[in-house]
């Protein structure tokens, strides 16, 4: 069930002209796109922060060195990099 506020908005919108309704839809779409862009930028920033934290973590660096050592033999297997 819609909230009282949404019901009031719907009633008000029904009183708008066609052009005003189009304008309102365009404004809403613009705001939604802005929110999406901000959210995506925030997610990218969070991801980059996590990567920086991982690079700074001595345990993760040690584990990556162990993995690299395990695969040293494959670097000399004659299959060149492309």
N, C-alpha and C. Protein backbone atom coordinates (compact mmCIF):
# COMPACT_ATOMS: atom_id res chain seq x y z
N UNK A 1 0.84 -1.17 0.00
CA UNK A 1 0.00 0.00 0.00
C UNK A 1 0.89 1.24 0.00
N UNK A 2 0.64 2.18 -0.92
CA UNK A 2 1.47 3.39 -0.98
C UNK A 2 1.32 4.24 0.27
N UNK A 3 2.39 4.93 0.59
CA UNK A 3 2.33 5.81 1.75
C UNK A 3 1.46 7.02 1.45
N UNK A 4 1.10 7.74 2.50
CA UNK A 4 0.28 8.93 2.35
C UNK A 4 0.98 9.95 1.46
N UNK A 5 2.27 10.10 1.65
CA UNK A 5 3.03 11.05 0.85
C UNK A 5 2.98 10.67 -0.62
N UNK A 6 3.17 9.39 -0.93
CA UNK A 6 3.11 8.96 -2.33
C UNK A 6 1.72 9.16 -2.93
N UNK A 7 0.71 8.93 -2.13
CA UNK A 7 -0.66 9.16 -2.61
C UNK A 7 -0.88 10.63 -2.93
N UNK A 8 -0.35 11.50 -2.08
CA UNK A 8 -0.49 12.94 -2.32
C UNK A 8 0.28 13.35 -3.58
N UNK A 9 1.46 12.79 -3.75
CA UNK A 9 2.25 13.09 -4.94
C UNK A 9 1.50 12.64 -6.19
N UNK A 10 0.96 11.44 -6.15
CA UNK A 10 0.21 10.92 -7.29
C UNK A 10 -0.97 11.82 -7.63
N UNK A 11 -1.67 12.28 -6.62
CA UNK A 11 -2.82 13.16 -6.84
C UNK A 11 -2.37 14.47 -7.47
N UNK A 12 -1.27 15.02 -6.98
CA UNK A 12 -0.74 16.27 -7.53
C UNK A 12 -0.28 16.08 -8.97
N UNK A 13 0.38 14.97 -9.25
CA UNK A 13 0.85 14.70 -10.61
C UNK A 13 -0.32 14.61 -11.58
N UNK A 14 -1.42 14.04 -11.13
CA UNK A 14 -2.58 13.90 -12.02
C UNK A 14 -3.14 15.27 -12.43
N UNK A 15 -2.80 16.29 -11.68
CA UNK A 15 -3.28 17.64 -11.99
C UNK A 15 -2.33 18.41 -12.90
N UNK A 16 -1.17 17.85 -13.19
CA UNK A 16 -0.18 18.52 -14.05
C UNK A 16 -0.56 18.38 -15.51
N UNK A 17 -0.07 19.32 -16.30
CA UNK A 17 -0.25 19.22 -17.75
C UNK A 17 0.66 18.14 -18.30
N UNK A 18 0.44 17.75 -19.53
CA UNK A 18 1.27 16.74 -20.19
C UNK A 18 2.74 17.17 -20.20
N UNK A 19 2.99 18.42 -20.58
CA UNK A 19 4.37 18.92 -20.63
C UNK A 19 5.02 18.93 -19.25
N UNK A 20 4.27 19.27 -18.23
CA UNK A 20 4.80 19.27 -16.87
C UNK A 20 5.12 17.84 -16.41
N UNK A 21 4.29 16.90 -16.80
CA UNK A 21 4.56 15.50 -16.45
C UNK A 21 5.82 15.00 -17.14
N UNK A 22 6.00 15.36 -18.42
CA UNK A 22 7.22 14.97 -19.14
C UNK A 22 8.43 15.59 -18.46
N UNK A 23 8.34 16.88 -18.10
CA UNK A 23 9.44 17.56 -17.43
C UNK A 23 9.79 16.83 -16.13
N UNK A 24 8.76 16.47 -15.37
CA UNK A 24 8.96 15.78 -14.09
C UNK A 24 9.65 14.43 -14.29
N UNK A 25 9.21 13.68 -15.27
CA UNK A 25 9.82 12.38 -15.57
C UNK A 25 11.28 12.55 -15.93
N UNK A 26 11.57 13.55 -16.75
CA UNK A 26 12.96 13.79 -17.15
C UNK A 26 13.82 14.17 -15.95
N UNK A 27 13.28 14.99 -15.04
CA UNK A 27 14.01 15.37 -13.83
C UNK A 27 14.28 14.15 -12.95
N UNK A 28 13.25 13.31 -12.78
CA UNK A 28 13.42 12.10 -11.98
C UNK A 28 14.47 11.18 -12.58
N UNK A 29 14.42 11.01 -13.89
CA UNK A 29 15.40 10.16 -14.57
C UNK A 29 16.81 10.72 -14.38
N UNK A 30 16.94 12.04 -14.50
CA UNK A 30 18.24 12.69 -14.31
C UNK A 30 18.78 12.43 -12.90
N UNK A 31 17.93 12.61 -11.90
CA UNK A 31 18.34 12.37 -10.51
C UNK A 31 18.71 10.91 -10.28
N UNK A 32 17.97 9.99 -10.87
CA UNK A 32 18.29 8.57 -10.72
C UNK A 32 19.63 8.24 -11.35
N UNK A 33 19.90 8.82 -12.53
CA UNK A 33 21.20 8.59 -13.18
C UNK A 33 22.33 9.15 -12.33
N UNK A 34 22.14 10.34 -11.75
CA UNK A 34 23.16 10.92 -10.89
C UNK A 34 23.44 10.03 -9.68
N UNK A 35 22.38 9.53 -9.06
CA UNK A 35 22.54 8.64 -7.91
C UNK A 35 23.31 7.38 -8.30
N UNK A 36 22.97 6.82 -9.45
CA UNK A 36 23.65 5.61 -9.92
C UNK A 36 25.12 5.89 -10.14
N UNK A 37 25.43 7.01 -10.77
CA UNK A 37 26.82 7.38 -11.03
C UNK A 37 27.57 7.55 -9.73
N UNK A 38 26.97 8.24 -8.76
CA UNK A 38 27.62 8.43 -7.46
C UNK A 38 27.84 7.09 -6.75
N UNK A 39 26.85 6.21 -6.81
CA UNK A 39 26.98 4.89 -6.17
C UNK A 39 28.10 4.09 -6.81
N UNK A 40 28.16 4.13 -8.15
CA UNK A 40 29.21 3.38 -8.85
C UNK A 40 30.58 3.95 -8.52
N UNK A 41 30.68 5.28 -8.43
CA UNK A 41 31.96 5.90 -8.08
C UNK A 41 32.35 5.51 -6.65
N UNK A 42 31.38 5.47 -5.76
CA UNK A 42 31.65 5.06 -4.38
C UNK A 42 32.11 3.62 -4.29
N UNK A 43 31.50 2.76 -5.09
CA UNK A 43 31.90 1.35 -5.12
C UNK A 43 33.31 1.21 -5.67
N UNK A 44 33.65 1.99 -6.70
CA UNK A 44 34.99 1.95 -7.28
C UNK A 44 36.02 2.42 -6.25
N UNK A 45 35.69 3.50 -5.52
CA UNK A 45 36.59 4.00 -4.49
C UNK A 45 36.80 2.95 -3.40
N UNK A 46 35.73 2.28 -3.00
CA UNK A 46 35.84 1.25 -1.96
C UNK A 46 36.70 0.09 -2.45
N UNK A 47 36.54 -0.31 -3.71
CA UNK A 47 37.32 -1.39 -4.28
C UNK A 47 38.81 -1.01 -4.29
N UNK A 48 39.09 0.21 -4.73
CA UNK A 48 40.48 0.66 -4.78
C UNK A 48 41.09 0.74 -3.38
N UNK A 49 40.31 1.15 -2.41
CA UNK A 49 40.79 1.20 -1.03
C UNK A 49 41.12 -0.19 -0.52
N UNK A 50 40.28 -1.16 -0.89
CA UNK A 50 40.54 -2.54 -0.49
C UNK A 50 41.82 -3.06 -1.13
N UNK A 51 42.04 -2.71 -2.40
CA UNK A 51 43.28 -3.13 -3.06
C UNK A 51 44.51 -2.53 -2.39
N UNK A 52 44.42 -1.25 -2.04
CA UNK A 52 45.54 -0.59 -1.35
C UNK A 52 45.80 -1.28 -0.02
N UNK A 53 44.74 -1.61 0.69
CA UNK A 53 44.89 -2.30 1.97
C UNK A 53 45.54 -3.67 1.79
N UNK A 54 45.15 -4.37 0.72
CA UNK A 54 45.73 -5.69 0.46
C UNK A 54 47.20 -5.58 0.13
N UNK A 55 47.57 -4.59 -0.65
CA UNK A 55 48.98 -4.41 -1.03
C UNK A 55 49.81 -4.08 0.21
N UNK A 56 49.22 -3.39 1.14
CA UNK A 56 49.92 -3.00 2.36
C UNK A 56 49.98 -4.12 3.40
N UNK A 57 49.19 -5.14 3.23
CA UNK A 57 49.10 -6.23 4.20
C UNK A 57 50.26 -7.20 4.01
N UNK A 58 51.12 -7.30 5.03
CA UNK A 58 52.31 -8.15 4.93
C UNK A 58 51.96 -9.63 4.77
N UNK A 59 50.86 -10.08 5.38
CA UNK A 59 50.46 -11.49 5.25
C UNK A 59 50.04 -11.80 3.81
N UNK A 60 49.32 -10.89 3.20
CA UNK A 60 48.90 -11.11 1.81
C UNK A 60 50.12 -11.09 0.90
N UNK A 61 51.04 -10.14 1.12
CA UNK A 61 52.25 -10.10 0.29
C UNK A 61 53.06 -11.38 0.44
N UNK A 62 53.16 -11.89 1.65
CA UNK A 62 53.89 -13.14 1.88
C UNK A 62 53.22 -14.30 1.14
N UNK A 63 51.91 -14.36 1.19
CA UNK A 63 51.17 -15.43 0.50
C UNK A 63 51.37 -15.33 -1.01
N UNK A 64 51.34 -14.11 -1.54
CA UNK A 64 51.56 -13.93 -2.99
C UNK A 64 52.97 -14.37 -3.39
N UNK A 65 53.95 -14.11 -2.53
CA UNK A 65 55.32 -14.56 -2.81
C UNK A 65 55.40 -16.09 -2.82
N UNK A 66 54.68 -16.74 -1.90
CA UNK A 66 54.65 -18.21 -1.88
C UNK A 66 54.04 -18.74 -3.18
N UNK A 67 52.95 -18.14 -3.60
CA UNK A 67 52.29 -18.58 -4.83
C UNK A 67 53.21 -18.38 -6.02
N UNK A 68 53.88 -17.23 -6.04
CA UNK A 68 54.81 -16.96 -7.14
C UNK A 68 55.92 -18.01 -7.18
N UNK A 69 56.43 -18.40 -6.04
CA UNK A 69 57.48 -19.42 -5.97
C UNK A 69 56.98 -20.77 -6.47
N UNK A 70 55.72 -21.09 -6.18
CA UNK A 70 55.15 -22.36 -6.63
C UNK A 70 55.07 -22.43 -8.15
N UNK A 71 54.94 -21.29 -8.81
CA UNK A 71 54.77 -21.28 -10.26
C UNK A 71 56.03 -20.88 -11.02
N UNK A 72 57.16 -20.78 -10.33
CA UNK A 72 58.40 -20.41 -10.99
C UNK A 72 58.73 -21.42 -12.09
N UNK A 73 58.48 -22.69 -11.84
CA UNK A 73 58.80 -23.73 -12.82
C UNK A 73 58.02 -23.56 -14.12
N UNK A 74 56.83 -23.07 -14.03
CA UNK A 74 56.04 -22.91 -15.25
C UNK A 74 56.56 -21.80 -16.15
N UNK A 75 57.33 -20.88 -15.57
CA UNK A 75 57.90 -19.80 -16.38
C UNK A 75 59.00 -20.31 -17.29
N UNK A 76 59.56 -21.46 -16.97
CA UNK A 76 60.64 -22.00 -17.78
C UNK A 76 60.20 -23.24 -18.56
N UNK A 77 58.91 -23.41 -18.78
CA UNK A 77 58.44 -24.61 -19.43
C UNK A 77 58.45 -24.52 -20.96
N UNK A 78 58.96 -23.43 -21.48
CA UNK A 78 59.07 -23.32 -22.93
C UNK A 78 57.84 -22.71 -23.60
N UNK A 79 56.80 -22.47 -22.86
CA UNK A 79 55.62 -21.84 -23.43
C UNK A 79 55.74 -20.34 -23.22
N UNK A 80 56.18 -19.65 -24.26
CA UNK A 80 56.41 -18.22 -24.15
C UNK A 80 55.14 -17.44 -23.87
N UNK A 81 55.34 -16.28 -23.34
CA UNK A 81 54.20 -15.40 -23.08
C UNK A 81 53.79 -14.72 -24.37
N UNK A 82 52.54 -14.45 -24.49
CA UNK A 82 52.02 -13.81 -25.71
C UNK A 82 51.51 -12.45 -25.40
